[in-house]
Amino acid sequence: MNIEEIRTYCLSKPSVTEDFPFDDTTLVFKVLGKMFALTGLNRQPPAINLKCDPEKAIELREEYDGIIFAGFHMNKKHWNTVEITNLAQKFVIELIDHSYDMVVKGMSKKLRDQLI
């Protein structure tokens, strides 16, 4: 999976927008204004930061040592950095979905009702 495929997938999810709030190379995906994924467009190897349940985050880091690690420049408890080149597309999509769902779950009912 490459960054363009990730971008296409993230934008296909309900109420997702993209922007560059930090600089001109860090692409951020938000659901109703809440960040669930970001990636450095110039990063090598390509990677994406994704929100994750804290217990699952630790399990993933142990199982995929050197490929999934504590979120770079993020809250290490809730975010993982995932190097995407050595993982199956289906698994990367599952991780994106988990991140999106974690963010939506943390929203108020009023916000969740706005999802389109």
N, C-alpha and C. Protein backbone atom coordinates (compact mmCIF):
# COMPACT_ATOMS: atom_id res chain seq x y z
N MET A 1 0.86 -1.18 0.00
CA MET A 1 0.00 0.00 0.00
C MET A 1 0.90 1.23 0.00
N ASN A 2 0.54 2.21 -0.80
CA ASN A 2 1.34 3.44 -0.84
C ASN A 2 0.51 4.62 -0.30
N ILE A 3 1.16 5.76 -0.21
CA ILE A 3 0.52 6.94 0.39
C ILE A 3 -0.72 7.36 -0.41
N GLU A 4 -0.68 7.27 -1.71
CA GLU A 4 -1.84 7.66 -2.52
C GLU A 4 -3.02 6.74 -2.27
N GLU A 5 -2.76 5.44 -2.11
CA GLU A 5 -3.84 4.50 -1.79
C GLU A 5 -4.41 4.78 -0.39
N ILE A 6 -3.53 5.11 0.54
CA ILE A 6 -3.98 5.47 1.89
C ILE A 6 -4.85 6.71 1.83
N ARG A 7 -4.41 7.70 1.08
CA ARG A 7 -5.18 8.95 0.94
C ARG A 7 -6.57 8.66 0.38
N THR A 8 -6.63 7.89 -0.67
CA THR A 8 -7.91 7.55 -1.30
C THR A 8 -8.81 6.82 -0.31
N TYR A 9 -8.25 5.88 0.42
CA TYR A 9 -9.06 5.12 1.38
C TYR A 9 -9.57 6.02 2.50
N CYS A 10 -8.68 6.80 3.09
CA CYS A 10 -9.09 7.68 4.19
C CYS A 10 -10.20 8.63 3.76
N LEU A 11 -10.07 9.21 2.57
CA LEU A 11 -11.08 10.17 2.08
C LEU A 11 -12.40 9.50 1.73
N SER A 12 -12.40 8.17 1.58
CA SER A 12 -13.65 7.47 1.27
C SER A 12 -14.50 7.24 2.52
N LYS A 13 -13.94 7.46 3.69
CA LYS A 13 -14.66 7.25 4.94
C LYS A 13 -15.59 8.44 5.22
N PRO A 14 -16.69 8.23 5.93
CA PRO A 14 -17.66 9.31 6.17
C PRO A 14 -17.06 10.53 6.89
N SER A 15 -17.37 11.70 6.35
CA SER A 15 -17.04 13.00 6.96
C SER A 15 -15.54 13.24 7.15
N VAL A 16 -14.71 12.66 6.29
CA VAL A 16 -13.26 12.85 6.41
C VAL A 16 -12.81 14.00 5.51
N THR A 17 -11.93 14.81 6.07
CA THR A 17 -11.27 15.88 5.32
C THR A 17 -9.76 15.71 5.47
N GLU A 18 -9.04 16.39 4.61
CA GLU A 18 -7.58 16.38 4.69
C GLU A 18 -7.08 17.81 4.70
N ASP A 19 -5.94 18.02 5.35
CA ASP A 19 -5.29 19.33 5.29
C ASP A 19 -3.84 19.21 5.73
N PHE A 20 -3.16 20.34 5.72
CA PHE A 20 -1.75 20.43 6.09
C PHE A 20 -1.59 21.46 7.21
N PRO A 21 -2.05 21.14 8.43
CA PRO A 21 -2.03 22.14 9.50
C PRO A 21 -0.65 22.41 10.08
N PHE A 22 0.30 21.51 9.89
CA PHE A 22 1.61 21.65 10.53
C PHE A 22 2.67 22.22 9.60
N ASP A 23 2.70 21.73 8.38
CA ASP A 23 3.65 22.18 7.37
C ASP A 23 3.15 21.69 6.01
N ASP A 24 3.93 21.90 4.97
CA ASP A 24 3.44 21.54 3.63
C ASP A 24 3.76 20.10 3.23
N THR A 25 4.27 19.29 4.16
CA THR A 25 4.56 17.89 3.83
C THR A 25 3.89 16.89 4.78
N THR A 26 3.19 17.37 5.80
CA THR A 26 2.52 16.47 6.74
C THR A 26 1.02 16.51 6.47
N LEU A 27 0.53 15.46 5.82
CA LEU A 27 -0.87 15.35 5.44
C LEU A 27 -1.66 14.77 6.60
N VAL A 28 -2.71 15.47 7.01
CA VAL A 28 -3.52 15.07 8.16
C VAL A 28 -4.94 14.77 7.70
N PHE A 29 -5.47 13.65 8.18
CA PHE A 29 -6.85 13.27 7.91
C PHE A 29 -7.65 13.43 9.20
N LYS A 30 -8.82 14.07 9.06
CA LYS A 30 -9.68 14.33 10.21
C LYS A 30 -11.10 13.86 9.91
N VAL A 31 -11.77 13.39 10.96
CA VAL A 31 -13.18 13.09 10.88
C VAL A 31 -13.88 14.12 11.75
N LEU A 32 -14.73 14.93 11.13
CA LEU A 32 -15.44 16.02 11.82
C LEU A 32 -14.47 16.86 12.66
N GLY A 33 -13.32 17.15 12.07
CA GLY A 33 -12.35 18.03 12.72
C GLY A 33 -11.41 17.36 13.70
N LYS A 34 -11.55 16.06 13.93
CA LYS A 34 -10.70 15.32 14.87
C LYS A 34 -9.73 14.44 14.10
N MET A 35 -8.45 14.60 14.38
CA MET A 35 -7.40 13.89 13.66
C MET A 35 -7.42 12.39 13.98
N PHE A 36 -7.35 11.56 12.91
CA PHE A 36 -7.25 10.12 13.11
C PHE A 36 -6.07 9.51 12.36
N ALA A 37 -5.46 10.26 11.46
CA ALA A 37 -4.31 9.75 10.73
C ALA A 37 -3.48 10.91 10.19
N LEU A 38 -2.18 10.70 10.15
CA LEU A 38 -1.31 11.68 9.50
C LEU A 38 -0.09 10.98 8.95
N THR A 39 0.45 11.57 7.90
CA THR A 39 1.61 10.98 7.26
C THR A 39 2.52 12.07 6.71
N GLY A 40 3.79 11.84 6.82
CA GLY A 40 4.78 12.72 6.20
C GLY A 40 4.98 12.31 4.76
N LEU A 41 4.68 13.18 3.84
CA LEU A 41 4.74 12.82 2.42
C LEU A 41 6.16 12.51 1.96
N ASN A 42 7.16 13.05 2.62
CA ASN A 42 8.55 12.82 2.23
C ASN A 42 9.24 11.76 3.08
N ARG A 43 8.50 11.13 3.98
CA ARG A 43 9.12 10.19 4.91
C ARG A 43 9.53 8.90 4.21
N GLN A 44 10.73 8.45 4.52
CA GLN A 44 11.22 7.18 4.00
C GLN A 44 11.71 6.34 5.16
N PRO A 45 11.25 5.12 5.32
CA PRO A 45 10.22 4.48 4.51
C PRO A 45 8.85 5.11 4.79
N PRO A 46 7.92 4.99 3.85
CA PRO A 46 6.58 5.56 4.03
C PRO A 46 5.91 5.01 5.29
N ALA A 47 5.26 5.90 6.03
CA ALA A 47 4.61 5.50 7.27
C ALA A 47 3.40 6.39 7.52
N ILE A 48 2.53 5.91 8.40
CA ILE A 48 1.35 6.66 8.79
C ILE A 48 1.20 6.56 10.30
N ASN A 49 0.84 7.67 10.93
CA ASN A 49 0.53 7.67 12.36
C ASN A 49 -0.97 7.45 12.52
N LEU A 50 -1.30 6.49 13.39
CA LEU A 50 -2.71 6.12 13.59
C LEU A 50 -3.01 6.01 15.08
N LYS A 51 -4.18 6.46 15.46
CA LYS A 51 -4.64 6.32 16.84
C LYS A 51 -4.93 4.85 17.11
N CYS A 52 -4.73 4.44 18.36
CA CYS A 52 -4.90 3.02 18.68
C CYS A 52 -5.27 2.87 20.14
N ASP A 53 -6.09 1.88 20.44
CA ASP A 53 -6.36 1.52 21.82
C ASP A 53 -5.02 1.24 22.50
N PRO A 54 -4.78 1.79 23.70
CA PRO A 54 -3.48 1.65 24.35
C PRO A 54 -2.99 0.20 24.51
N GLU A 55 -3.87 -0.72 24.89
CA GLU A 55 -3.45 -2.12 25.04
C GLU A 55 -3.12 -2.75 23.69
N LYS A 56 -3.94 -2.46 22.71
CA LYS A 56 -3.68 -2.99 21.37
C LYS A 56 -2.40 -2.39 20.79
N ALA A 57 -2.14 -1.12 21.11
CA ALA A 57 -0.94 -0.46 20.61
C ALA A 57 0.31 -1.20 21.08
N ILE A 58 0.33 -1.58 22.33
CA ILE A 58 1.48 -2.32 22.88
C ILE A 58 1.62 -3.67 22.20
N GLU A 59 0.50 -4.37 22.04
CA GLU A 59 0.53 -5.68 21.38
C GLU A 59 1.07 -5.58 19.96
N LEU A 60 0.60 -4.57 19.21
CA LEU A 60 1.06 -4.40 17.83
C LEU A 60 2.56 -4.09 17.78
N ARG A 61 3.03 -3.24 18.69
CA ARG A 61 4.46 -2.89 18.72
C ARG A 61 5.32 -4.12 19.01
N GLU A 62 4.83 -5.00 19.87
CA GLU A 62 5.59 -6.21 20.18
C GLU A 62 5.56 -7.19 19.01
N GLU A 63 4.39 -7.37 18.42
CA GLU A 63 4.25 -8.33 17.33
C GLU A 63 4.95 -7.88 16.06
N TYR A 64 4.93 -6.57 15.79
CA TYR A 64 5.50 -6.02 14.56
C TYR A 64 6.69 -5.11 14.90
N ASP A 65 7.57 -5.61 15.74
CA ASP A 65 8.74 -4.85 16.19
C ASP A 65 9.54 -4.35 14.98
N GLY A 66 9.82 -3.06 14.97
CA GLY A 66 10.58 -2.47 13.88
C GLY A 66 9.72 -2.00 12.71
N ILE A 67 8.43 -2.34 12.72
CA ILE A 67 7.51 -1.92 11.66
C ILE A 67 6.41 -1.03 12.25
N ILE A 68 5.94 -1.39 13.45
CA ILE A 68 4.96 -0.57 14.17
C ILE A 68 5.61 -0.17 15.49
N PHE A 69 5.63 1.13 15.75
CA PHE A 69 6.27 1.62 16.97
C PHE A 69 5.53 2.83 17.51
N ALA A 70 5.92 3.26 18.71
CA ALA A 70 5.25 4.38 19.36
C ALA A 70 5.20 5.58 18.43
N GLY A 71 4.08 6.26 18.41
CA GLY A 71 3.84 7.36 17.48
C GLY A 71 4.90 8.44 17.51
N PHE A 72 5.52 8.68 16.37
CA PHE A 72 6.53 9.73 16.22
C PHE A 72 5.87 11.09 16.39
N HIS A 73 6.38 11.89 17.32
CA HIS A 73 5.84 13.22 17.64
C HIS A 73 4.39 13.18 18.10
N MET A 74 3.96 12.05 18.69
CA MET A 74 2.58 11.90 19.13
C MET A 74 2.56 11.38 20.56
N ASN A 75 1.38 11.35 21.16
CA ASN A 75 1.20 10.73 22.47
C ASN A 75 1.48 9.24 22.31
N LYS A 76 2.54 8.77 22.93
CA LYS A 76 3.00 7.39 22.74
C LYS A 76 2.00 6.35 23.25
N LYS A 77 1.13 6.75 24.14
CA LYS A 77 0.13 5.81 24.69
C LYS A 77 -0.97 5.53 23.66
N HIS A 78 -1.35 6.53 22.89
CA HIS A 78 -2.52 6.42 22.03
C HIS A 78 -2.22 6.38 20.53
N TRP A 79 -0.97 6.55 20.14
CA TRP A 79 -0.66 6.63 18.71
C TRP A 79 0.49 5.68 18.35
N ASN A 80 0.36 5.05 17.19
CA ASN A 80 1.41 4.23 16.61
C ASN A 80 1.85 4.82 15.29
N THR A 81 3.12 4.66 14.98
CA THR A 81 3.64 4.92 13.65
C THR A 81 3.76 3.57 12.96
N VAL A 82 3.18 3.47 11.78
CA VAL A 82 3.12 2.21 11.04
C VAL A 82 3.85 2.38 9.71
N GLU A 83 4.95 1.65 9.55
CA GLU A 83 5.64 1.65 8.26
C GLU A 83 4.85 0.75 7.32
N ILE A 84 4.37 1.31 6.25
CA ILE A 84 3.36 0.63 5.43
C ILE A 84 3.91 -0.30 4.36
N THR A 85 5.18 -0.20 4.02
CA THR A 85 5.68 -0.95 2.87
C THR A 85 5.77 -2.45 3.10
N ASN A 86 5.92 -2.90 4.35
CA ASN A 86 6.08 -4.33 4.62
C ASN A 86 4.84 -4.98 5.23
N LEU A 87 3.71 -4.32 5.10
CA LEU A 87 2.47 -4.86 5.66
C LEU A 87 1.44 -5.05 4.56
N ALA A 88 0.59 -6.05 4.74
CA ALA A 88 -0.48 -6.32 3.78
C ALA A 88 -1.47 -5.16 3.77
N GLN A 89 -1.98 -4.85 2.59
CA GLN A 89 -2.95 -3.76 2.44
C GLN A 89 -4.15 -3.96 3.35
N LYS A 90 -4.66 -5.17 3.44
CA LYS A 90 -5.83 -5.46 4.28
C LYS A 90 -5.54 -5.10 5.74
N PHE A 91 -4.34 -5.40 6.22
CA PHE A 91 -3.99 -5.10 7.61
C PHE A 91 -3.87 -3.59 7.83
N VAL A 92 -3.27 -2.89 6.89
CA VAL A 92 -3.15 -1.42 7.02
C VAL A 92 -4.56 -0.80 7.05
N ILE A 93 -5.45 -1.29 6.22
CA ILE A 93 -6.84 -0.79 6.21
C ILE A 93 -7.51 -1.06 7.55
N GLU A 94 -7.28 -2.24 8.13
CA GLU A 94 -7.83 -2.55 9.46
C GLU A 94 -7.33 -1.56 10.50
N LEU A 95 -6.04 -1.19 10.43
CA LEU A 95 -5.47 -0.24 11.39
C LEU A 95 -6.05 1.16 11.18
N ILE A 96 -6.26 1.55 9.93
CA ILE A 96 -6.89 2.85 9.64
C ILE A 96 -8.32 2.86 10.18
N ASP A 97 -9.05 1.77 9.93
CA ASP A 97 -10.43 1.68 10.42
C ASP A 97 -10.47 1.76 11.94
N HIS A 98 -9.54 1.08 12.60
CA HIS A 98 -9.49 1.11 14.06
C HIS A 98 -9.25 2.54 14.56
N SER A 99 -8.34 3.24 13.92
CA SER A 99 -8.04 4.62 14.31
C SER A 99 -9.28 5.50 14.12
N TYR A 100 -9.90 5.41 12.97
CA TYR A 100 -11.12 6.18 12.68
C TYR A 100 -12.19 5.87 13.73
N ASP A 101 -12.40 4.58 13.99
CA ASP A 101 -13.43 4.18 14.96
C ASP A 101 -13.12 4.68 16.37
N MET A 102 -11.85 4.67 16.76
CA MET A 102 -11.45 5.17 18.08
C MET A 102 -11.82 6.65 18.22
N VAL A 103 -11.55 7.41 17.18
CA VAL A 103 -11.84 8.84 17.22
C VAL A 103 -13.35 9.08 17.25
N VAL A 104 -14.08 8.37 16.40
CA VAL A 104 -15.54 8.53 16.37
C VAL A 104 -16.14 8.12 17.71
N LYS A 105 -15.66 7.04 18.29
CA LYS A 105 -16.16 6.56 19.58
C LYS A 105 -15.99 7.61 20.68
N GLY A 106 -14.95 8.41 20.59
CA GLY A 106 -14.68 9.43 21.59
C GLY A 106 -15.48 10.72 21.41
N MET A 107 -16.24 10.80 20.33
CA MET A 107 -17.04 11.99 20.05
C MET A 107 -18.35 11.96 20.82
N SER A 108 -18.92 13.11 20.98
CA SER A 108 -20.25 13.20 21.58
C SER A 108 -21.28 12.59 20.61
N LYS A 109 -22.41 12.19 21.14
CA LYS A 109 -23.49 11.65 20.30
C LYS A 109 -23.90 12.68 19.25
N LYS A 110 -23.93 13.93 19.64
CA LYS A 110 -24.32 15.00 18.72
C LYS A 110 -23.37 15.02 17.51
N LEU A 111 -22.06 14.92 17.75
CA LEU A 111 -21.11 14.89 16.64
C LEU A 111 -21.27 13.61 15.82
N ARG A 112 -21.38 12.46 16.50
CA ARG A 112 -21.53 11.20 15.76
C ARG A 112 -22.75 11.23 14.86
N ASP A 113 -23.81 11.90 15.28
CA ASP A 113 -25.03 11.99 14.47
C ASP A 113 -24.81 12.81 13.21
N GLN A 114 -23.72 13.58 13.14
CA GLN A 114 -23.42 14.39 11.97
C GLN A 114 -22.65 13.63 10.89
N LEU A 115 -22.20 12.42 11.20
CA LEU A 115 -21.44 11.66 10.21
C LEU A 115 -22.28 11.41 8.97
N ILE A 116 -21.68 11.65 7.82
CA ILE A 116 -22.40 11.42 6.55
C ILE A 116 -21.69 10.38 5.72
